[in-house]
Structures are given as structure tokens and as C-alpha cells.
Protein backbone atom coordinates (compact mmCIF):
# COMPACT_ATOMS: atom_id res chain seq x y z
CA MET A 1 -90.68 53.45 53.33
CA GLU A 2 -90.26 53.97 49.61
CA ARG A 3 -92.86 51.58 47.94
CA ILE A 4 -92.46 52.56 44.52
CA SER A 5 -89.55 54.64 42.68
CA LEU A 6 -88.62 55.30 39.15
CA ILE A 7 -85.66 56.65 38.49
CA ASN A 8 -84.81 58.61 35.20
CA VAL A 9 -87.14 56.21 33.25
CA SER A 10 -87.69 56.75 29.44
CA LYS A 11 -89.54 54.04 27.25
CA LYS A 12 -89.66 53.36 23.77
CA TYR A 13 -91.53 50.31 22.46
CA SER A 14 -89.48 49.33 19.65
CA PRO A 15 -85.90 50.21 18.77
CA GLY A 16 -87.29 51.83 15.30
CA ASP A 17 -89.60 54.27 17.24
CA VAL A 18 -88.48 57.85 16.76
CA ASP A 19 -90.03 59.16 20.02
CA TYR A 20 -90.54 57.98 23.38
CA ALA A 21 -93.71 57.50 25.21
CA VAL A 22 -92.46 58.73 28.53
CA ARG A 23 -89.28 60.60 28.98
CA ASP A 24 -86.97 61.34 32.05
CA VAL A 25 -89.48 60.48 34.70
CA SER A 26 -88.73 60.20 38.16
CA LEU A 27 -91.08 59.50 41.09
CA THR A 28 -91.17 58.13 44.42
CA ILE A 29 -94.23 56.84 46.54
CA LYS A 30 -94.21 56.14 49.88
CA ASP A 31 -95.77 53.26 52.09
CA GLY A 32 -99.60 54.20 52.12
CA GLU A 33 -99.94 56.94 49.85
CA PHE A 34 -102.72 57.17 47.27
CA VAL A 35 -101.05 58.78 44.31
CA THR A 36 -103.11 60.02 41.35
CA VAL A 37 -101.99 60.73 38.00
CA LEU A 38 -103.27 63.25 35.70
CA GLY A 39 -102.38 64.18 31.94
CA PRO A 40 -103.48 64.37 28.12
CA SER A 41 -104.46 61.46 26.40
CA GLY A 42 -101.45 59.72 24.98
CA CYS A 43 -99.09 61.05 27.54
CA GLY A 44 -97.85 57.91 28.89
CA LYS A 45 -99.71 57.28 31.87
CA SER A 46 -100.93 53.63 31.14
CA THR A 47 -97.01 53.15 30.06
CA ILE A 48 -95.94 54.25 33.84
CA LEU A 49 -98.40 51.49 35.02
CA ASP A 50 -97.23 48.99 32.98
CA LEU A 51 -93.95 49.58 33.84
CA LEU A 52 -94.37 49.52 37.54
CA ALA A 53 -96.36 46.15 36.96
CA GLY A 54 -93.35 44.60 34.81
CA LEU A 55 -95.40 43.97 32.05
CA THR A 56 -92.92 45.74 30.11
CA ASP A 57 -89.16 47.13 30.73
CA PRO A 58 -88.02 50.72 30.60
CA THR A 59 -85.71 51.58 27.77
CA ILE A 60 -83.54 53.92 30.39
CA GLY A 61 -83.66 53.81 33.90
CA ASP A 62 -84.88 51.64 36.50
CA VAL A 63 -88.23 50.83 38.10
CA CYS A 64 -88.16 49.66 41.55
CA ILE A 65 -90.77 48.15 43.96
CA ASN A 66 -90.07 47.95 47.79
CA GLY A 67 -86.24 48.97 47.31
CA ARG A 68 -85.69 46.44 44.20
CA CYS A 69 -85.60 46.65 40.67
CA ILE A 70 -87.75 44.58 38.85
CA GLY A 71 -87.57 42.87 35.69
CA GLY A 72 -90.95 41.43 35.37
CA PRO A 73 -94.10 40.97 37.40
CA ASN A 74 -94.18 41.21 41.20
CA ALA A 75 -96.74 39.17 43.60
CA ASP A 76 -96.83 42.54 45.78
CA VAL A 77 -98.38 44.58 43.27
CA GLY A 78 -101.86 44.38 41.94
CA VAL A 79 -103.15 45.79 38.91
CA VAL A 80 -106.94 46.83 38.43
CA PHE A 81 -107.96 47.59 34.82
CA GLN A 82 -110.88 49.38 33.28
CA ASP A 83 -112.28 46.02 32.29
CA PRO A 84 -112.62 43.79 34.61
CA ALA A 85 -112.32 41.09 32.46
CA LEU A 86 -114.32 38.39 34.51
CA TYR A 87 -114.64 34.84 33.22
CA PRO A 88 -118.16 34.60 32.17
CA TRP A 89 -118.31 30.81 33.23
CA ARG A 90 -117.52 31.26 36.86
CA THR A 91 -119.52 32.92 39.40
CA ILE A 92 -118.43 36.11 40.96
CA ARG A 93 -117.49 34.55 44.07
CA ASP A 94 -115.21 31.75 41.87
CA ASN A 95 -114.12 35.23 39.79
CA ILE A 96 -112.85 37.01 42.75
CA ALA A 97 -111.08 33.80 44.53
CA LEU A 98 -109.34 32.71 41.22
CA GLY A 99 -105.99 33.76 42.46
CA LEU A 100 -106.30 31.94 45.57
CA GLU A 101 -107.37 28.78 43.84
CA LEU A 102 -104.41 29.12 41.66
CA HIS A 103 -101.94 29.42 44.76
CA GLY A 104 -103.63 26.00 46.09
CA MET A 105 -105.71 27.73 48.92
CA PRO A 106 -108.61 25.11 50.30
CA ALA A 107 -111.88 25.87 48.97
CA GLU A 108 -113.23 26.83 52.51
CA LYS A 109 -110.92 29.38 53.09
CA ARG A 110 -111.23 30.91 49.65
CA ARG A 111 -114.82 31.08 50.31
CA GLU A 112 -114.14 33.20 53.62
CA ILE A 113 -111.59 35.55 52.10
CA SER A 114 -113.77 36.29 48.96
CA ASP A 115 -116.98 36.81 51.02
CA LYS A 116 -115.33 39.23 53.30
CA TYR A 117 -114.28 41.19 50.18
CA MET A 118 -117.82 41.27 48.99
CA GLN A 119 -119.24 42.33 51.71
CA MET A 120 -116.77 45.32 51.93
CA VAL A 121 -117.93 46.48 48.37
CA HIS A 122 -121.67 45.65 48.49
CA LEU A 123 -121.88 42.23 46.44
CA THR A 124 -123.36 40.09 49.49
CA GLY A 125 -126.11 38.09 47.95
CA TRP A 126 -124.36 38.31 44.48
CA GLU A 127 -121.99 35.47 45.27
CA ASP A 128 -123.67 32.95 43.09
CA LYS A 129 -124.21 34.94 40.41
CA TYR A 130 -122.58 35.21 36.96
CA PRO A 131 -120.86 38.47 35.41
CA HIS A 132 -123.40 38.81 32.80
CA GLU A 133 -126.34 39.19 35.45
CA LEU A 134 -124.33 42.10 37.23
CA SER A 135 -124.43 45.61 36.31
CA GLY A 136 -121.03 47.38 35.23
CA GLY A 137 -120.47 49.08 38.73
CA MET A 138 -120.84 45.51 40.26
CA ARG A 139 -118.70 43.67 37.89
CA GLN A 140 -115.94 46.47 38.61
CA ARG A 141 -116.41 46.16 41.99
CA ALA A 142 -115.69 42.38 41.62
CA GLY A 143 -112.42 43.40 39.47
CA LEU A 144 -111.16 45.34 42.57
CA VAL A 145 -111.55 42.90 44.90
CA ARG A 146 -110.32 40.17 42.92
CA THR A 147 -107.14 41.98 43.20
CA LEU A 148 -107.36 42.68 46.88
CA VAL A 149 -107.86 39.18 48.03
CA ASN A 150 -104.51 38.37 47.04
CA ASN A 151 -103.29 41.19 49.53
CA PRO A 152 -100.60 43.09 47.57
CA SER A 153 -99.10 45.82 49.32
CA ILE A 154 -99.38 47.98 45.99
CA LEU A 155 -102.29 48.68 43.85
CA LEU A 156 -102.22 50.10 40.49
CA MET A 157 -105.26 51.30 38.99
CA ASP A 158 -105.73 52.20 35.39
CA GLU A 159 -108.89 54.51 34.89
CA PRO A 160 -110.91 51.47 36.59
CA LEU A 161 -113.94 53.90 36.69
CA GLY A 162 -113.87 55.24 33.41
CA ALA A 163 -116.89 53.08 31.74
CA VAL A 164 -119.07 53.24 34.96
CA ASP A 165 -122.17 55.86 35.10
CA TYR A 166 -121.52 58.95 37.05
CA LEU A 167 -123.64 58.18 40.21
CA THR A 168 -121.88 54.56 40.38
CA ARG A 169 -118.50 56.44 40.05
CA LEU A 170 -118.95 58.51 42.99
CA SER A 171 -120.21 55.55 45.31
CA ILE A 172 -117.29 53.31 44.06
CA GLN A 173 -114.96 56.43 44.76
CA ASP A 174 -115.86 56.23 48.45
CA GLU A 175 -115.72 52.55 48.60
CA ILE A 176 -111.97 52.75 47.18
CA ILE A 177 -111.17 55.18 49.97
CA ALA A 178 -112.57 53.04 52.66
CA LEU A 179 -110.65 49.93 51.01
CA TRP A 180 -107.39 51.63 51.13
CA GLN A 181 -107.75 53.22 54.43
CA GLN A 182 -108.75 49.65 56.05
CA GLU A 183 -106.46 47.70 54.02
CA LYS A 184 -103.35 50.04 54.12
CA LYS A 185 -102.35 49.68 50.70
CA THR A 186 -99.89 51.98 48.61
CA VAL A 187 -102.12 53.12 45.35
CA LEU A 188 -101.20 54.55 42.10
CA PHE A 189 -104.65 55.54 40.45
CA ILE A 190 -104.61 56.69 36.73
CA THR A 191 -107.79 59.05 35.91
CA HIS A 192 -108.78 61.55 33.41
CA ASP A 193 -110.85 62.94 35.93
CA VAL A 194 -109.28 65.76 37.62
CA GLY A 195 -112.33 66.07 40.33
CA GLU A 196 -111.88 62.35 40.84
CA ALA A 197 -107.97 62.97 40.97
CA VAL A 198 -108.15 65.49 43.65
CA TYR A 199 -111.22 63.65 45.74
CA LEU A 200 -109.12 60.37 45.94
CA GLY A 201 -105.60 61.23 46.21
CA THR A 202 -102.94 62.54 49.00
CA LYS A 203 -100.94 63.60 45.78
CA VAL A 204 -101.58 64.29 42.00
CA VAL A 205 -98.90 63.99 39.47
CA LEU A 206 -99.12 66.07 36.51
CA MET A 207 -97.92 64.83 33.05
CA THR A 208 -97.41 66.73 30.02
CA ALA A 209 -98.17 65.96 26.30
CA HIS A 210 -96.41 63.48 24.16
CA PRO A 211 -93.84 62.12 25.21
CA GLY A 212 -94.91 62.22 28.67
CA ARG A 213 -92.99 63.71 31.48
CA ILE A 214 -93.86 64.86 35.06
CA SER A 215 -94.59 68.47 34.99
CA GLU A 216 -95.49 68.53 38.88
CA VAL A 217 -96.46 66.66 42.12
CA ILE A 218 -99.17 68.58 43.97
CA ASN A 219 -99.82 67.59 47.85
CA ILE A 220 -103.72 67.21 48.47
CA ASP A 221 -103.90 68.18 52.20
CA PHE A 222 -107.46 67.84 52.92
CA PRO A 223 -108.26 64.98 55.58
CA TYR A 224 -110.78 62.08 55.02
CA PRO A 225 -113.64 61.81 54.25
CA ARG A 226 -113.65 64.80 52.02
CA ASP A 227 -116.50 66.68 51.20
CA ARG A 228 -117.40 67.02 47.50
CA ASN A 229 -118.83 70.48 47.72
CA ASN A 230 -115.94 72.13 49.75
CA PRO A 231 -115.02 75.40 47.63
CA ALA A 232 -111.32 74.91 48.26
CA LEU A 233 -111.55 71.54 46.38
CA ALA A 234 -113.33 72.98 43.63
CA GLU A 235 -110.99 75.69 43.41
CA LEU A 236 -107.88 73.22 43.16
CA VAL A 237 -109.50 71.36 40.66
CA THR A 238 -109.57 74.79 38.57
CA ASP A 239 -106.11 75.02 39.23
CA ILE A 240 -105.18 72.02 37.97
CA LEU A 241 -107.30 72.03 35.04
CA ASP A 242 -105.54 75.32 34.40
CA LYS A 243 -101.92 73.54 34.62
CA ILE A 244 -102.94 70.75 32.20
CA ASN A 245 -104.05 72.85 29.85
CA GLN A 246 -100.84 74.71 29.89
CA ASN A 247 -99.00 71.69 29.71
CA ALA A 248 -100.94 70.38 26.64
CA THR A 249 -100.59 73.72 24.64
CA SER A 250 -96.82 74.52 25.79
CA GLY A 251 -94.63 75.00 23.04
CA VAL A 252 -91.94 73.58 24.97
CA VAL A 253 -93.21 70.22 25.06
CA GLU A 254 -93.76 67.89 21.97
CA THR A 255 -97.26 67.39 21.25
CA CYS A 256 -97.66 64.83 18.63
CA GLY A 257 -100.32 62.84 20.69
CA GLU A 258 -104.04 62.92 20.89
CA GLN A 259 -104.98 65.51 23.68
CA GLN A 260 -108.11 65.35 26.03
């Protein structure tokens, strides 16, 4: 089953713009896939996420979720951003259960569901703390499960680990894989980290420099759990880095955006 379809999508943010943020993007993501997206800064990765989340509309083309073209936010799509944006006056449990509360779920059931997910990401014992009392990694875990408790079939993640330290990043990567396998979500995960993209994804989507186009989709055929020290994974990371550098410097591609 196709969960996500981008069909010849191009996006300008205003009629007066000369350049497109993304141009002629077509991509299909099937049920249960974990697709990571890589490309130079300014190539439109976050624009694609905003289109899929229904936060903006394509200028040209169609964006479809579960077989239907969308024209706004969809309850079946959850979004995790780099900043977890927790409410400082609410406890961690109450932050996580916010969506359930807004949907009128009884307090006892909200507590049961939120506690289940907090246990899955090792936040047990921190339920009644406030965001300022938690580390950055703990806050990011809370932001992740705040999205998951609403049970979307599709999870969009926009560089969710970009602001945490290296060791915490590795730990949360493994937790994300465990959650994905247990919850059977379809995931699109944006990152600047090639090693992260290869370690997490069933596929890696490579984008060109501005305006963003998809240059290649690479299948990652290594079974889970993956070994970070696997030389074949390291070789694949090197190959993808070379491809990204070629895309960023190619004379065929417009390169007026910032590059990593």
C-alpha cells in the first residue's frame, strides 16, 4: 500500500518568487518504510515535509496521503520537529497527553497511554517533572512520544536529533528504530547526517542543491538491528557523501542556496 505520494511537485512560496524551493519532485513511500532524506542545506527537505504535513500547498503537482490528495493537515500524519516545543507550565506526562486531552479522552486513559510510551523511551520516573528539569535528550524523547500517542500511521521527522549530543543521538536512534518496528509506522526522516540516514533507513533519498530535486533513491538492504561498525555500512556512507558532493557542485544544477 502506498502511504505517501508526491507527484511532479514544485513549490514557490509566493507568486513573485523567481526560484522554486523544490522542483519536479516525485516520490512514493510504501506502508511501513523508513525513508531518510539527505541533501545540501537549502535544498528543500523541510519544504517536502511541510507539504506532506499539509502546512503548505504545492504550486504544481499533487501531494497524496493514503491514496487521497490533501489540502491541509491530516490527523493520520504526525510531525516531530527539531525543537520539541514542550509547554513549560505542563508536566512531561501532561505535555505528552495534550493531543489526547484535546480529543476529550478521559484522564485515566490518557495517563495509561502516555505512561506506556514514556516507558518505551526511558522516561519512567520523570512523568511529573517539568521540561526545564529534563536534559535536551529527554525533552526530545517527550516530543517524539507526544506525537506517537495520537497513533498516526505516518510519522514525519524534521532533523529531530540535530540539537542533542552525539551519545544521546546514538541512543535515541536505536529507540526510534525500536518504536518504528513495534508501532509499524511509515516514517520520513530528514537529516543532515549521512551515517544516521544509512543506519536508520530502509531507503535514502538524495536531493540536489536548490531548487531541490530528487537525484537518486538508494535501497539500504541491511537487516535490523544494524551494526554501526559494519565496514559495508561505512562504505555506503562514503559513497553517499561522494554523491551529495557531486550533486552540490554539479554545473547542471542551480546552486544559489547555502550548501553544507
